[in-house]
Amino acid sequence: MPIIVNLDVMMAKRKMSLNELSEKVDITLSNLSILKTGKAKAIRFGTLEAICKALDCQPGDILAFEED
């Protein structure tokens, strides 16, 4: 898939665990894990906004586009 999810990179830069982010964003660990591994088919803007606020980053820091 040409959309790359760099959530794990931003979490490492902010030294934030999956559990901590899950609590701050109010999303289940399983859904956050699916997003983190790049297996998600979609993300709600509200969820993306909450993740960006929790990690103090921009959507482009989490999502990237790569040609196949």
N, C-alpha and C. Protein backbone atom coordinates (compact mmCIF):
# COMPACT_ATOMS: atom_id res chain seq x y z
N MET A 1 0.85 -1.18 0.00
CA MET A 1 0.00 0.00 0.00
C MET A 1 0.89 1.24 0.00
N PRO A 2 0.57 2.23 -0.81
CA PRO A 2 1.44 3.41 -0.92
C PRO A 2 1.40 4.37 0.28
N ILE A 3 0.45 4.21 1.20
CA ILE A 3 0.41 5.05 2.39
C ILE A 3 1.18 4.34 3.50
N ILE A 4 2.19 5.02 4.01
CA ILE A 4 3.04 4.46 5.06
C ILE A 4 2.68 5.13 6.39
N VAL A 5 2.49 4.34 7.42
CA VAL A 5 2.16 4.85 8.75
C VAL A 5 3.43 4.82 9.61
N ASN A 6 3.85 6.00 10.04
CA ASN A 6 5.06 6.14 10.85
C ASN A 6 4.73 6.43 12.31
N LEU A 7 3.64 5.88 12.79
CA LEU A 7 3.21 6.13 14.16
C LEU A 7 4.25 5.63 15.16
N ASP A 8 4.82 4.47 14.89
CA ASP A 8 5.83 3.93 15.81
C ASP A 8 7.06 4.83 15.91
N VAL A 9 7.42 5.48 14.81
CA VAL A 9 8.57 6.39 14.81
C VAL A 9 8.28 7.61 15.70
N MET A 10 7.08 8.19 15.54
CA MET A 10 6.74 9.36 16.36
C MET A 10 6.61 8.98 17.83
N MET A 11 6.07 7.81 18.10
CA MET A 11 5.96 7.36 19.49
C MET A 11 7.34 7.20 20.11
N ALA A 12 8.28 6.67 19.35
CA ALA A 12 9.64 6.51 19.85
C ALA A 12 10.30 7.86 20.09
N LYS A 13 10.09 8.81 19.17
CA LYS A 13 10.66 10.15 19.34
C LYS A 13 10.12 10.83 20.58
N ARG A 14 8.86 10.59 20.89
CA ARG A 14 8.22 11.22 22.05
C ARG A 14 8.33 10.35 23.31
N LYS A 15 8.97 9.19 23.15
CA LYS A 15 9.14 8.24 24.26
C LYS A 15 7.80 7.90 24.92
N MET A 16 6.82 7.59 24.05
CA MET A 16 5.48 7.28 24.52
C MET A 16 5.14 5.83 24.18
N SER A 17 4.61 5.12 25.13
CA SER A 17 4.24 3.72 24.91
C SER A 17 2.86 3.64 24.25
N LEU A 18 2.57 2.47 23.73
CA LEU A 18 1.27 2.21 23.11
C LEU A 18 0.16 2.37 24.14
N ASN A 19 0.40 1.89 25.36
CA ASN A 19 -0.60 2.03 26.43
C ASN A 19 -0.87 3.49 26.76
N GLU A 20 0.18 4.27 26.88
CA GLU A 20 0.03 5.69 27.22
C GLU A 20 -0.72 6.44 26.13
N LEU A 21 -0.36 6.19 24.87
CA LEU A 21 -1.04 6.85 23.76
C LEU A 21 -2.50 6.42 23.70
N SER A 22 -2.75 5.15 23.94
CA SER A 22 -4.12 4.63 23.94
C SER A 22 -4.98 5.37 24.96
N GLU A 23 -4.43 5.60 26.14
CA GLU A 23 -5.19 6.32 27.18
C GLU A 23 -5.41 7.77 26.81
N LYS A 24 -4.39 8.43 26.26
CA LYS A 24 -4.51 9.85 25.91
C LYS A 24 -5.50 10.07 24.77
N VAL A 25 -5.52 9.15 23.81
CA VAL A 25 -6.34 9.31 22.61
C VAL A 25 -7.73 8.69 22.80
N ASP A 26 -7.87 7.85 23.83
CA ASP A 26 -9.12 7.15 24.09
C ASP A 26 -9.50 6.24 22.93
N ILE A 27 -8.55 5.39 22.56
CA ILE A 27 -8.75 4.39 21.51
C ILE A 27 -8.23 3.07 22.06
N THR A 28 -8.84 1.97 21.66
CA THR A 28 -8.43 0.68 22.21
C THR A 28 -7.02 0.33 21.75
N LEU A 29 -6.35 -0.47 22.56
CA LEU A 29 -5.00 -0.93 22.21
C LEU A 29 -4.99 -1.69 20.89
N SER A 30 -6.01 -2.51 20.68
CA SER A 30 -6.04 -3.31 19.45
C SER A 30 -6.20 -2.42 18.21
N ASN A 31 -7.06 -1.41 18.29
CA ASN A 31 -7.23 -0.50 17.14
C ASN A 31 -5.98 0.33 16.91
N LEU A 32 -5.34 0.76 17.98
CA LEU A 32 -4.11 1.54 17.85
C LEU A 32 -2.99 0.67 17.28
N SER A 33 -2.94 -0.57 17.67
CA SER A 33 -1.94 -1.50 17.16
C SER A 33 -2.15 -1.75 15.66
N ILE A 34 -3.39 -1.89 15.24
CA ILE A 34 -3.71 -2.07 13.82
C ILE A 34 -3.23 -0.86 13.02
N LEU A 35 -3.45 0.32 13.56
CA LEU A 35 -3.00 1.54 12.90
C LEU A 35 -1.48 1.60 12.86
N LYS A 36 -0.85 1.29 13.98
CA LYS A 36 0.61 1.36 14.10
C LYS A 36 1.31 0.41 13.12
N THR A 37 0.74 -0.77 12.91
CA THR A 37 1.36 -1.74 12.01
C THR A 37 1.04 -1.50 10.54
N GLY A 38 0.22 -0.49 10.26
CA GLY A 38 -0.11 -0.16 8.88
C GLY A 38 -1.18 -1.03 8.28
N LYS A 39 -1.90 -1.79 9.10
CA LYS A 39 -2.94 -2.69 8.60
C LYS A 39 -4.31 -2.03 8.53
N ALA A 40 -4.42 -0.80 9.01
CA ALA A 40 -5.71 -0.10 9.00
C ALA A 40 -6.07 0.31 7.58
N LYS A 41 -7.35 0.26 7.27
CA LYS A 41 -7.84 0.66 5.95
C LYS A 41 -8.25 2.13 5.93
N ALA A 42 -8.49 2.69 7.12
CA ALA A 42 -8.94 4.08 7.20
C ALA A 42 -8.64 4.61 8.60
N ILE A 43 -8.67 5.94 8.72
CA ILE A 43 -8.54 6.59 10.02
C ILE A 43 -9.47 7.80 10.03
N ARG A 44 -10.19 7.97 11.10
CA ARG A 44 -11.07 9.13 11.23
C ARG A 44 -10.22 10.37 11.50
N PHE A 45 -10.66 11.50 10.97
CA PHE A 45 -9.94 12.75 11.20
C PHE A 45 -9.88 13.08 12.68
N GLY A 46 -10.93 12.77 13.41
CA GLY A 46 -10.95 13.02 14.85
C GLY A 46 -9.88 12.22 15.58
N THR A 47 -9.69 10.97 15.15
CA THR A 47 -8.65 10.12 15.73
C THR A 47 -7.27 10.65 15.37
N LEU A 48 -7.09 11.03 14.12
CA LEU A 48 -5.82 11.58 13.67
C LEU A 48 -5.49 12.86 14.43
N GLU A 49 -6.49 13.70 14.63
CA GLU A 49 -6.32 14.94 15.38
C GLU A 49 -5.89 14.64 16.82
N ALA A 50 -6.55 13.69 17.46
CA ALA A 50 -6.22 13.34 18.84
C ALA A 50 -4.81 12.77 18.95
N ILE A 51 -4.40 11.95 17.99
CA ILE A 51 -3.05 11.40 17.99
C ILE A 51 -2.02 12.51 17.81
N CYS A 52 -2.30 13.44 16.89
CA CYS A 52 -1.37 14.55 16.66
C CYS A 52 -1.25 15.44 17.90
N LYS A 53 -2.36 15.66 18.59
CA LYS A 53 -2.30 16.45 19.82
C LYS A 53 -1.49 15.73 20.89
N ALA A 54 -1.71 14.44 21.05
CA ALA A 54 -1.02 13.66 22.07
C ALA A 54 0.48 13.57 21.80
N LEU A 55 0.85 13.49 20.53
CA LEU A 55 2.26 13.35 20.17
C LEU A 55 2.90 14.69 19.79
N ASP A 56 2.12 15.77 19.81
CA ASP A 56 2.60 17.10 19.44
C ASP A 56 3.30 17.06 18.08
N CYS A 57 2.52 16.64 17.07
CA CYS A 57 3.08 16.51 15.72
C CYS A 57 2.02 16.87 14.68
N GLN A 58 2.41 16.82 13.44
CA GLN A 58 1.51 17.08 12.31
C GLN A 58 1.13 15.75 11.66
N PRO A 59 -0.01 15.71 10.94
CA PRO A 59 -0.41 14.47 10.26
C PRO A 59 0.68 13.93 9.33
N GLY A 60 1.43 14.82 8.69
CA GLY A 60 2.51 14.41 7.80
C GLY A 60 3.67 13.73 8.51
N ASP A 61 3.75 13.92 9.83
CA ASP A 61 4.78 13.23 10.61
C ASP A 61 4.40 11.77 10.82
N ILE A 62 3.11 11.47 10.72
CA ILE A 62 2.61 10.12 10.97
C ILE A 62 2.34 9.37 9.67
N LEU A 63 1.83 10.07 8.67
CA LEU A 63 1.46 9.44 7.40
C LEU A 63 2.36 9.93 6.27
N ALA A 64 2.75 9.02 5.40
CA ALA A 64 3.57 9.37 4.24
C ALA A 64 3.06 8.61 3.02
N PHE A 65 3.32 9.15 1.82
CA PHE A 65 2.93 8.51 0.58
C PHE A 65 4.18 8.05 -0.15
N GLU A 66 4.17 6.79 -0.58
CA GLU A 66 5.28 6.23 -1.36
C GLU A 66 4.72 5.52 -2.58
N GLU A 67 5.32 5.78 -3.72
CA GLU A 67 4.91 5.10 -4.95
C GLU A 67 5.24 3.62 -4.84
N ASP A 68 4.41 2.78 -5.45
CA ASP A 68 4.69 1.33 -5.47
C ASP A 68 5.86 1.02 -6.34
